């Protein structure tokens, strides 16, 4: 079908623009997202789904840099005897050895020597994410960030990805940075991310084994193909996690900032520099065509395990949704019709995965319109515990409310009650809130 002859619907696209004049790190990104409206308690609640609450605490405070006020996020690492304070490389000269993949540096001049029983390798981190109660989108986005860092580190050290042993990024504070960033992107429901050129810093920083060029090798590897600046002397302004967030999710680096800002937030760094040490994040709402596609393939003579693997790869590489339908092909052969919802920019990648990971030798594709209701997420307090509820709106009126199944399931098991009792408690809490709001 000729796309140019279609009546393409104009919709409002929610865009996030990252102004990285002072670089970017995971905690600065989280701070900017909270400043834009991500509920801090919701962020903490989602992070608790990792099952690692005993290892860290998350703190938020207001801070200012050269007169600009924003949000500072700190991860308190219980594995060490002190507060890391998230003194990232963009904030400090490094005292940690750069040959290890790191995210944080500290105000101290000695090497902390993290307890290695708390430092996780790539496989352990993947297992924690996959086995968690986090949403599929958060899992996929988190794994995408970690994979970029792991591939960069593997190349630098001449190892395979599976052989990479994480050091600083395997520490709990860095794990929280990555997964917290992914959670924030889901909670804000951003359709696309754009960014300015990335400030990376310039010069050398002191390390345990001498001086290391700025930016660190892992950061440089991740940012291949990304426009960068190097105006700040003597400091590493962008961390590996910050670089991976940019590489994984930014689709455009516009030369001209022709946009209508709807809301602006600032995520703060720690060190006081000659420039404001913060990340500026801007919500931009604009009219833009949002044509989406359905890719379909009939698949037979293929094991269910291979089909699931193909589905996971498709979702990781941009598929918006996938559903499978049992069908009967010619000559009575049972098969599965795989239907994939995709954006135009992802079609080529998804086609390649479909042909290499399944037995299909052909596919159909056709454009579709997508209608999406506005929605919000809130935590409801019940007699059994807190539950996240998704509320959908049509023209400002509530048309649907649904409690998150995984959270309800967990509360049912913890309280040893029927799942229906949890849903009943949620509905009662929603009714009470509704009555209170009407007064």
Protein backbone atom coordinates (compact mmCIF):
# COMPACT_ATOMS: atom_id res chain seq x y z
CA UNK A 1 0.00 0.00 0.00
CA UNK A 2 1.26 3.47 -0.89
CA UNK A 3 1.71 5.31 2.40
CA UNK A 4 1.64 8.71 0.69
CA UNK A 5 -1.98 8.11 -0.33
CA UNK A 6 -3.14 7.34 3.20
CA UNK A 7 -5.03 9.78 5.36
CA UNK A 8 -2.48 9.92 8.17
CA UNK A 9 -3.96 10.96 11.50
CA UNK A 10 -2.44 13.95 13.30
CA UNK A 11 -2.01 13.27 17.02
CA UNK A 12 -0.28 14.91 19.95
CA UNK A 13 3.12 13.32 20.52
CA UNK A 14 4.73 13.70 23.93
CA UNK A 15 8.41 14.38 23.40
CA UNK A 16 11.23 14.68 25.93
CA UNK A 17 14.14 16.95 25.01
CA UNK A 18 17.36 16.54 27.03
CA UNK A 19 19.58 19.61 27.12
CA UNK A 20 22.91 18.05 28.08
CA UNK A 21 25.00 21.22 28.40
CA UNK A 22 26.58 19.76 31.58
CA UNK A 23 26.55 16.13 30.48
CA UNK A 24 24.29 13.40 31.79
CA UNK A 25 24.32 10.61 34.36
CA UNK A 26 21.71 8.20 35.65
CA UNK A 27 20.95 10.10 38.85
CA UNK A 28 20.75 13.44 37.04
CA UNK A 29 18.26 11.87 34.63
CA UNK A 30 16.13 10.54 37.51
CA UNK A 31 16.27 13.94 39.21
CA UNK A 32 15.09 15.70 36.05
CA UNK A 33 12.24 13.22 35.61
CA UNK A 34 11.06 13.71 39.20
CA UNK A 35 11.32 17.47 38.67
CA UNK A 36 9.06 17.05 35.62
CA UNK A 37 6.40 15.25 37.61
CA UNK A 38 7.35 11.62 38.23
CA UNK A 39 5.93 10.76 41.65
CA UNK A 40 8.92 10.05 43.91
CA UNK A 41 7.02 7.59 46.09
CA UNK A 42 5.88 5.74 42.96
CA UNK A 43 9.50 5.59 41.77
CA UNK A 44 10.55 4.10 45.11
CA UNK A 45 7.67 1.65 45.02
CA UNK A 46 8.60 0.45 41.54
CA UNK A 47 12.26 0.08 42.54
CA UNK A 48 11.18 -2.10 45.45
CA UNK A 49 10.05 -4.69 42.88
CA UNK A 50 13.74 -5.54 42.42
CA UNK A 51 13.67 -7.20 45.83
CA UNK A 52 16.85 -5.38 46.86
CA UNK A 53 15.40 -2.91 49.38
CA UNK A 54 17.82 -4.09 52.07
CA UNK A 55 20.75 -2.88 49.96
CA UNK A 56 19.78 0.73 49.29
CA UNK A 57 17.57 3.69 50.06
CA UNK A 58 16.55 6.49 47.71
CA UNK A 59 16.58 10.12 48.86
CA UNK A 60 15.28 13.27 47.19
CA UNK A 61 16.01 16.90 47.96
CA UNK A 62 15.80 20.31 46.36
CA UNK A 63 19.12 21.83 45.34
CA UNK A 64 20.40 24.75 43.30
CA UNK A 65 23.33 25.42 41.00
CA UNK A 66 24.20 29.02 40.15
CA UNK A 67 20.65 30.11 40.92
CA UNK A 68 18.89 27.26 39.11
CA UNK A 69 16.74 25.08 41.38
CA UNK A 70 16.00 21.45 40.65
CA UNK A 71 15.80 17.96 42.13
CA UNK A 72 18.77 15.99 43.49
CA UNK A 73 18.45 12.22 43.78
CA UNK A 74 20.83 10.26 46.03
CA UNK A 75 21.17 6.50 46.39
CA UNK A 76 22.22 5.38 49.85
CA UNK A 77 24.28 2.21 49.47
CA UNK A 78 23.80 0.05 52.60
CA UNK A 79 26.63 -2.25 51.48
CA UNK A 80 29.12 0.45 52.38
CA UNK A 81 29.46 2.27 55.66
CA UNK A 82 28.76 5.69 54.15
CA UNK A 83 26.47 7.58 51.82
CA UNK A 84 27.81 7.63 48.28
CA UNK A 85 25.90 10.80 47.62
CA UNK A 86 26.06 9.97 43.91
CA UNK A 87 29.17 12.01 43.37
CA UNK A 88 29.41 11.14 39.71
CA UNK A 89 32.26 11.62 37.37
CA UNK A 90 30.65 14.72 35.93
CA UNK A 91 30.82 16.13 39.43
CA UNK A 92 34.28 15.01 40.53
CA UNK A 93 37.74 14.02 39.48
CA UNK A 94 37.96 10.23 39.55
CA UNK A 95 39.77 8.30 42.22
CA UNK A 96 38.63 4.90 41.00
CA UNK A 97 40.49 2.76 38.48
CA UNK A 98 39.06 3.34 35.02
CA UNK A 99 39.79 -0.09 33.72
CA UNK A 100 36.72 -1.24 35.66
CA UNK A 101 33.36 -0.21 34.33
CA UNK A 102 32.33 2.53 36.71
CA UNK A 103 29.55 4.96 37.18
CA UNK A 104 30.37 6.72 40.42
CA UNK A 105 33.34 8.40 41.98
CA UNK A 106 33.59 9.80 45.48
CA UNK A 107 34.89 12.78 47.37
CA UNK A 108 37.60 10.66 48.96
CA UNK A 109 41.15 10.35 47.74
CA UNK A 110 41.50 6.67 48.56
CA UNK A 111 40.14 3.60 46.81
CA UNK A 112 37.04 2.32 48.62
CA UNK A 113 37.57 -1.30 47.72
CA UNK A 114 33.92 -2.35 47.45
CA UNK A 115 33.06 -5.68 49.00
CA UNK A 116 33.01 -7.88 45.90
CA UNK A 117 30.23 -10.07 47.22
CA UNK A 118 27.98 -7.09 46.48
CA UNK A 119 29.39 -6.45 42.99
CA UNK A 120 27.38 -8.29 40.36
CA UNK A 121 28.35 -9.48 36.91
CA UNK A 122 26.28 -9.01 33.77
CA UNK A 123 24.51 -12.36 34.09
CA UNK A 124 23.47 -11.66 37.69
CA UNK A 125 22.09 -8.25 36.78
CA UNK A 126 20.09 -9.70 33.89
CA UNK A 127 18.66 -12.39 36.18
CA UNK A 128 17.62 -9.84 38.81
CA UNK A 129 15.80 -7.76 36.19
CA UNK A 130 14.10 -10.68 34.44
CA UNK A 131 12.95 -12.29 37.70
CA UNK A 132 11.64 -9.03 39.17
CA UNK A 133 8.04 -7.82 39.26
CA UNK A 134 8.88 -4.83 37.06
CA UNK A 135 6.80 -4.20 33.95
CA UNK A 136 7.90 -5.65 30.61
CA UNK A 137 8.77 -2.19 29.29
CA UNK A 138 10.98 -1.37 32.28
CA UNK A 139 12.71 -4.75 32.01
CA UNK A 140 13.37 -4.29 28.29
CA UNK A 141 14.61 -0.71 28.66
CA UNK A 142 16.87 -1.60 31.61
CA UNK A 143 18.39 -4.56 29.76
CA UNK A 144 18.93 -2.38 26.69
CA UNK A 145 20.98 0.09 28.76
CA UNK A 146 23.04 -2.62 30.46
CA UNK A 147 23.68 -4.40 27.17
CA UNK A 148 25.14 -1.23 25.63
CA UNK A 149 27.49 -0.81 28.59
CA UNK A 150 28.46 -4.49 28.58
CA UNK A 151 29.24 -4.51 24.85
CA UNK A 152 31.38 -1.40 25.19
CA UNK A 153 33.30 -2.86 28.11
CA UNK A 154 33.74 -6.21 26.37
CA UNK A 155 35.23 -4.53 23.29
CA UNK A 156 37.60 -2.40 25.34
CA UNK A 157 38.95 -5.36 27.30
CA UNK A 158 38.92 -7.93 24.50
CA UNK A 159 36.31 -10.16 26.12
CA UNK A 160 32.93 -11.55 25.18
CA UNK A 161 29.86 -9.89 26.67
CA UNK A 162 29.24 -12.88 28.93
CA UNK A 163 32.78 -12.60 30.31
CA UNK A 164 32.36 -8.96 31.36
CA UNK A 165 32.52 -8.59 35.13
CA UNK A 166 30.90 -5.36 36.30
CA UNK A 167 32.58 -3.46 39.09
CA UNK A 168 31.23 0.04 39.78
CA UNK A 169 28.17 -0.45 37.54
CA UNK A 170 27.56 -3.75 39.31
CA UNK A 171 27.23 -1.86 42.59
CA UNK A 172 23.71 -1.28 43.88
CA UNK A 173 23.74 2.50 43.42
CA UNK A 174 24.49 2.16 39.71
CA UNK A 175 21.92 -0.62 39.24
CA UNK A 176 19.33 1.70 40.79
CA UNK A 177 20.39 4.49 38.40
CA UNK A 178 19.77 2.33 35.33
CA UNK A 179 16.50 0.77 36.41
CA UNK A 180 15.27 4.01 37.96
CA UNK A 181 15.80 5.77 34.64
CA UNK A 182 13.76 3.11 32.84
CA UNK A 183 10.96 3.39 35.42
CA UNK A 184 10.82 7.17 34.98
CA UNK A 185 10.47 6.84 31.21
CA UNK A 186 7.50 4.54 31.65
CA UNK A 187 5.80 6.68 34.29
CA UNK A 188 6.08 9.83 32.15
CA UNK A 189 4.81 7.91 29.07
CA UNK A 190 7.22 9.63 26.69
CA UNK A 191 6.66 8.89 22.99
CA UNK A 192 10.11 9.98 21.82
CA UNK A 193 13.34 11.47 23.19
CA UNK A 194 15.52 14.08 21.53
CA UNK A 195 18.74 15.62 22.84
CA UNK A 196 21.29 18.34 22.33
CA UNK A 197 24.92 17.40 21.63
CA UNK A 198 26.33 15.75 24.76
CA UNK A 199 28.94 17.54 26.88
CA UNK A 200 31.59 14.94 27.71
CA UNK A 201 34.37 17.05 29.22
CA UNK A 202 38.01 17.21 28.20
CA UNK A 203 41.48 16.53 29.56
CA UNK A 204 42.63 13.96 32.09
CA UNK A 205 41.44 12.89 35.50
CA UNK A 206 43.44 11.28 38.29
CA UNK A 207 42.93 7.55 38.82
CA UNK A 208 44.39 4.91 41.12
CA UNK A 209 46.80 3.84 38.34
CA UNK A 210 47.65 7.26 36.97
CA UNK A 211 45.80 9.62 34.66
CA UNK A 212 42.94 8.61 32.40
CA UNK A 213 41.71 10.58 29.36
CA UNK A 214 38.25 12.11 29.46
CA UNK A 215 35.79 10.67 28.66
CA UNK A 216 36.37 7.15 29.96
CA UNK A 217 36.85 4.45 27.27
CA UNK A 218 33.44 2.86 27.92
CA UNK A 219 31.68 6.22 27.57
CA UNK A 220 33.54 6.96 24.33
CA UNK A 221 32.63 3.57 22.88
CA UNK A 222 28.94 3.93 23.76
CA UNK A 223 28.74 7.43 22.25
CA UNK A 224 30.07 6.43 18.82
CA UNK A 225 27.86 8.21 16.28
CA UNK A 226 26.40 10.61 18.87
CA UNK A 227 27.19 14.36 18.54
CA UNK A 228 29.30 15.54 21.49
CA UNK A 229 30.90 18.68 22.90
CA UNK A 230 34.04 19.07 25.02
CA UNK A 231 33.98 22.52 26.59
CA UNK A 232 34.42 21.72 30.29
CA UNK A 233 38.07 21.15 31.17
CA UNK A 234 39.32 18.66 33.71
CA UNK A 235 36.09 16.84 34.49
CA UNK A 236 34.34 13.82 33.03
CA UNK A 237 30.84 15.19 32.42
CA UNK A 238 29.03 12.12 31.07
CA UNK A 239 29.02 8.70 32.72
CA UNK A 240 28.60 5.31 31.02
CA UNK A 241 25.00 5.06 32.25
CA UNK A 242 24.20 8.56 31.00
CA UNK A 243 25.79 7.73 27.64
CA UNK A 244 23.81 4.49 27.39
CA UNK A 245 20.52 6.27 28.12
CA UNK A 246 21.27 8.65 25.25
CA UNK A 247 22.37 5.91 22.84
CA UNK A 248 19.45 3.61 23.66
CA UNK A 249 16.56 6.05 23.49
CA UNK A 250 17.41 9.32 21.75
CA UNK A 251 16.19 9.27 18.15
CA UNK A 252 17.02 12.85 17.10
CA UNK A 253 19.68 15.47 17.77
CA UNK A 254 18.03 18.56 16.24
CA UNK A 255 20.31 21.40 15.19
CA UNK A 256 17.66 24.02 15.88
CA UNK A 257 15.58 24.04 19.06
CA UNK A 258 12.31 24.95 17.38
CA UNK A 259 9.89 23.56 19.92
CA UNK A 260 7.12 24.63 22.26
CA UNK A 261 8.06 23.77 25.83
CA UNK A 262 5.21 22.55 28.02
CA UNK A 263 7.22 21.89 31.17
CA UNK A 264 10.88 22.08 32.24
CA UNK A 265 12.69 20.12 34.94
CA UNK A 266 16.26 20.08 36.24
CA UNK A 267 18.21 17.11 37.60
CA UNK A 268 21.09 18.29 39.77
CA UNK A 269 24.69 17.13 40.03
CA UNK A 270 26.86 17.57 43.13
CA UNK A 271 30.01 19.57 42.40
CA UNK A 272 29.87 23.35 41.97
CA UNK A 273 31.35 24.24 38.57
CA UNK A 274 31.67 27.38 36.46
CA UNK A 275 28.47 26.30 34.70
CA UNK A 276 25.23 25.01 36.28
CA UNK A 277 25.91 21.36 37.02
CA UNK A 278 22.52 20.00 36.02
CA UNK A 279 20.55 18.28 33.29
CA UNK A 280 17.68 20.28 31.77
CA UNK A 281 14.74 18.16 30.59
CA UNK A 282 11.90 19.68 28.57
CA UNK A 283 8.50 18.18 27.81
CA UNK A 284 7.49 19.15 24.28
CA UNK A 285 4.02 18.50 22.92
CA UNK A 286 3.64 18.79 19.17
CA UNK A 287 1.33 17.76 16.37
CA UNK A 288 2.91 14.95 14.41
CA UNK A 289 1.81 12.01 12.32
CA UNK A 290 1.94 8.77 14.25
CA UNK A 291 1.50 6.13 11.59
CA UNK A 292 1.98 2.62 12.92
CA UNK A 293 2.18 -0.73 11.16
CA UNK A 294 1.09 -4.30 11.62
CA UNK A 295 3.62 -6.89 10.45
CA UNK A 296 2.19 -10.39 10.11
CA UNK A 297 3.76 -13.75 9.36
CA UNK A 298 2.39 -17.29 9.31
CA UNK A 299 4.83 -19.57 11.12
CA UNK A 300 4.85 -23.35 11.21
CA UNK A 301 7.41 -26.08 11.79
CA UNK A 302 8.99 -24.17 14.67
CA UNK A 303 9.36 -24.96 18.37
CA UNK A 304 7.50 -22.86 20.93
CA UNK A 305 10.78 -22.04 22.72
CA UNK A 306 12.25 -20.53 19.54
CA UNK A 307 9.07 -18.57 18.95
CA UNK A 308 9.22 -17.09 22.46
CA UNK A 309 12.87 -16.15 21.91
CA UNK A 310 11.96 -14.40 18.66
CA UNK A 311 9.17 -12.54 20.43
CA UNK A 312 11.51 -11.35 23.17
CA UNK A 313 14.00 -10.05 20.61
CA UNK A 314 11.28 -8.24 18.67
CA UNK A 315 10.03 -6.51 21.83
CA UNK A 316 13.55 -5.53 22.82
CA UNK A 317 14.21 -3.97 19.39
CA UNK A 318 11.12 -1.78 19.22
CA UNK A 319 7.96 -3.85 18.72
CA UNK A 320 5.13 -2.01 20.48
CA UNK A 321 2.99 -5.11 20.91
CA UNK A 322 2.90 -8.73 19.74
CA UNK A 323 0.05 -11.22 19.72
CA UNK A 324 -0.16 -14.74 18.34
CA UNK A 325 -3.18 -16.45 16.79
CA UNK A 326 -3.49 -20.22 16.13
CA UNK A 327 -4.41 -20.84 12.48
CA UNK A 328 -4.75 -23.72 10.01
CA UNK A 329 -2.71 -23.30 6.82
CA UNK A 330 -3.15 -25.10 3.52
CA UNK A 331 -3.01 -28.91 3.54
CA UNK A 332 -4.31 -28.77 7.12
CA UNK A 333 -1.02 -27.66 8.68
CA UNK A 334 -1.42 -26.05 12.15
CA UNK A 335 0.51 -22.79 12.49
CA UNK A 336 0.79 -19.54 14.40
CA UNK A 337 0.09 -16.11 12.94
CA UNK A 338 2.40 -13.61 14.63
CA UNK A 339 1.15 -10.00 14.51
CA UNK A 340 3.57 -7.22 15.42
CA UNK A 341 2.65 -3.57 16.05
CA UNK A 342 5.53 -1.30 15.04
CA UNK A 343 6.57 2.26 14.29
CA UNK A 344 7.77 3.09 10.77
CA UNK A 345 11.36 3.64 11.90
CA UNK A 346 11.57 0.11 13.38
CA UNK A 347 10.15 -1.88 10.43
CA UNK A 348 13.48 -2.77 8.82
CA UNK A 349 15.01 -3.98 12.11
CA UNK A 350 11.94 -6.03 13.04
CA UNK A 351 11.72 -7.62 9.59
CA UNK A 352 15.33 -8.75 9.86
CA UNK A 353 14.70 -10.34 13.27
CA UNK A 354 11.54 -12.04 12.02
CA UNK A 355 13.37 -13.63 9.09
CA UNK A 356 16.46 -14.67 11.07
CA UNK A 357 14.77 -15.92 14.25
CA UNK A 358 11.70 -17.68 12.80
CA UNK A 359 11.02 -20.13 9.96
CA UNK A 360 8.93 -17.55 8.08
CA UNK A 361 10.08 -16.66 4.55
CA UNK A 362 7.55 -13.89 3.96
CA UNK A 363 5.39 -11.36 5.78
CA UNK A 364 2.51 -8.94 5.26
CA UNK A 365 2.50 -5.34 6.48
CA UNK A 366 -0.17 -2.70 6.50
CA UNK A 367 -0.59 0.71 8.17
CA UNK A 368 -2.99 1.22 11.08
CA UNK A 369 -4.32 4.08 13.19
CA UNK A 370 -3.93 3.82 16.95
CA UNK A 371 -6.27 5.52 19.42
CA UNK A 372 -4.93 5.76 22.98
CA UNK A 373 -6.73 7.10 26.03
CA UNK A 374 -5.00 9.41 28.46
CA UNK A 375 -3.96 7.56 31.58
CA UNK A 376 -2.45 8.14 35.01
CA UNK A 377 -0.94 5.87 37.67
CA UNK A 378 -1.56 6.24 41.39
CA UNK A 379 -1.00 4.19 44.51
CA UNK A 380 -4.06 3.17 46.50
CA UNK A 381 -3.79 2.27 50.19
CA UNK A 382 -5.80 -0.84 51.13
CA UNK A 383 -6.05 -2.88 54.31
CA UNK A 384 -3.62 -5.35 52.73
CA UNK A 385 -1.05 -2.85 51.44
CA UNK A 386 -0.44 -0.40 48.60
CA UNK A 387 -1.51 -1.20 45.03
CA UNK A 388 -0.83 0.75 41.83
CA UNK A 389 -3.98 1.58 39.87
CA UNK A 390 -4.03 2.68 36.23
CA UNK A 391 -6.83 5.12 35.39
CA UNK A 392 -7.92 5.81 31.79
CA UNK A 393 -9.70 9.01 30.76
CA UNK A 394 -11.93 9.94 27.82
CA UNK A 395 -12.45 13.69 27.40
CA UNK A 396 -11.44 14.20 31.01
CA UNK A 397 -13.84 11.61 32.43
CA UNK A 398 -12.73 8.33 34.04
CA UNK A 399 -13.75 5.38 31.85
CA UNK A 400 -11.64 2.57 33.31
CA UNK A 401 -9.55 1.78 36.37
CA UNK A 402 -7.44 -1.32 36.79
CA UNK A 403 -5.18 -2.52 39.58
CA UNK A 404 -1.77 -3.93 38.63
CA UNK A 405 -2.15 -7.70 38.66
CA UNK A 406 1.39 -8.56 39.82
CA UNK A 407 1.05 -6.31 42.87
CA UNK A 408 -2.39 -7.76 43.73
CA UNK A 409 -1.01 -11.28 43.34
CA UNK A 410 1.89 -10.49 45.70
CA UNK A 411 -0.45 -9.02 48.33
CA UNK A 412 -2.74 -12.06 48.08
CA UNK A 413 0.19 -14.40 48.73
CA UNK A 414 1.63 -12.28 51.53
CA UNK A 415 -1.72 -11.95 53.32
CA UNK A 416 -2.88 -15.49 52.46
CA UNK A 417 -6.21 -14.31 51.07
CA UNK A 418 -7.97 -14.90 47.75
CA UNK A 419 -6.96 -12.68 44.85
CA UNK A 420 -10.59 -11.56 44.59
CA UNK A 421 -10.33 -10.16 48.13
CA UNK A 422 -7.45 -7.90 47.05
CA UNK A 423 -9.42 -6.62 44.05
CA UNK A 424 -12.43 -6.03 46.33
CA UNK A 425 -10.26 -4.01 48.74
CA UNK A 426 -8.89 -1.93 45.87
CA UNK A 427 -12.39 -1.18 44.56
CA UNK A 428 -13.52 -0.15 48.04
CA UNK A 429 -10.52 2.16 48.40
CA UNK A 430 -11.23 3.72 44.99
CA UNK A 431 -14.84 4.30 45.99
CA UNK A 432 -13.79 5.97 49.26
CA UNK A 433 -11.39 8.25 47.38
CA UNK A 434 -14.11 9.14 44.88
CA UNK A 435 -16.54 10.08 47.66
CA UNK A 436 -13.89 12.19 49.41
CA UNK A 437 -13.06 14.05 46.16
CA UNK A 438 -16.76 14.86 45.57
CA UNK A 439 -17.09 16.64 48.93
